[in-house]
Amino acid sequence: MSILAFLAGVMCIAAAIGDWDWFFENMRASLFVRLFGRDGARVFYALLGAFIMFVAAFTRWA
């Protein structure tokens, strides 16, 4: 399970870096785009991805 969470974190970071339209035009992500703007949502998802990766790695090896 932690491997899937780690991969989800990687995907969030990749979407933030790549500025993927299909990711940010998703119904769930569009909420954050409306709240923070497109660049703010990208920062939010990059930080969220890093946090998810950290938690997944910590629970895997702790």
Protein backbone atom coordinates (compact mmCIF):
# COMPACT_ATOMS: atom_id res chain seq x y z
CA MET A 1 0.00 0.00 0.00
CA SER A 2 2.82 2.40 0.78
CA ILE A 3 4.27 1.81 -2.69
CA LEU A 4 1.00 2.95 -4.27
CA ALA A 5 0.95 6.02 -2.05
CA PHE A 6 4.55 6.79 -3.00
CA LEU A 7 3.65 6.51 -6.70
CA ALA A 8 0.65 8.80 -6.17
CA GLY A 9 3.04 11.36 -4.69
CA VAL A 10 5.33 11.01 -7.68
CA MET A 11 2.35 11.54 -9.98
CA CYS A 12 1.31 14.70 -8.12
CA ILE A 13 4.79 16.14 -8.44
CA ALA A 14 5.06 15.15 -12.11
CA ALA A 15 1.68 16.78 -12.83
CA ALA A 16 2.79 19.95 -11.06
CA ILE A 17 6.07 20.10 -12.94
CA GLY A 18 4.59 19.12 -16.30
CA ASP A 19 1.52 21.35 -15.86
CA TRP A 20 -0.71 18.57 -17.20
CA ASP A 21 -4.02 19.95 -18.42
CA TRP A 22 -5.87 16.67 -17.90
CA PHE A 23 -4.79 16.66 -14.26
CA PHE A 24 -5.64 20.27 -13.43
CA GLU A 25 -8.92 20.28 -15.36
CA ASN A 26 -10.15 17.33 -13.32
CA MET A 27 -13.20 18.09 -11.18
CA ARG A 28 -11.31 17.57 -7.90
CA ALA A 29 -8.22 19.52 -8.89
CA SER A 30 -10.27 22.36 -10.36
CA LEU A 31 -11.33 23.33 -6.82
CA PHE A 32 -7.72 24.14 -5.96
CA VAL A 33 -7.23 25.89 -9.30
CA ARG A 34 -10.17 28.16 -8.48
CA LEU A 35 -8.90 28.79 -4.93
CA PHE A 36 -5.21 29.34 -5.64
CA GLY A 37 -4.97 29.90 -9.40
CA ARG A 38 -3.18 27.52 -11.74
CA ASP A 39 0.32 28.25 -10.45
CA GLY A 40 -0.81 28.09 -6.84
CA ALA A 41 -2.49 24.74 -7.46
CA ARG A 42 0.74 23.48 -9.02
CA VAL A 43 2.67 24.47 -5.90
CA PHE A 44 -0.02 22.91 -3.70
CA TYR A 45 0.13 19.60 -5.59
CA ALA A 46 3.93 19.58 -5.59
CA LEU A 47 3.94 20.02 -1.81
CA LEU A 48 1.15 17.47 -1.41
CA GLY A 49 3.08 14.98 -3.53
CA ALA A 50 6.24 15.50 -1.49
CA PHE A 51 4.26 15.03 1.73
CA ILE A 52 2.61 11.84 0.46
CA MET A 53 5.97 10.46 -0.64
CA PHE A 54 7.52 11.29 2.73
CA VAL A 55 4.70 9.63 4.68
CA ALA A 56 4.74 6.57 2.41
CA ALA A 57 8.51 6.20 2.75
CA PHE A 58 8.41 6.74 6.51
CA THR A 59 5.67 4.17 7.08
CA ARG A 60 7.39 1.69 4.75
CA TRP A 61 10.76 1.74 6.49
CA ALA A 62 9.83 2.76 10.03
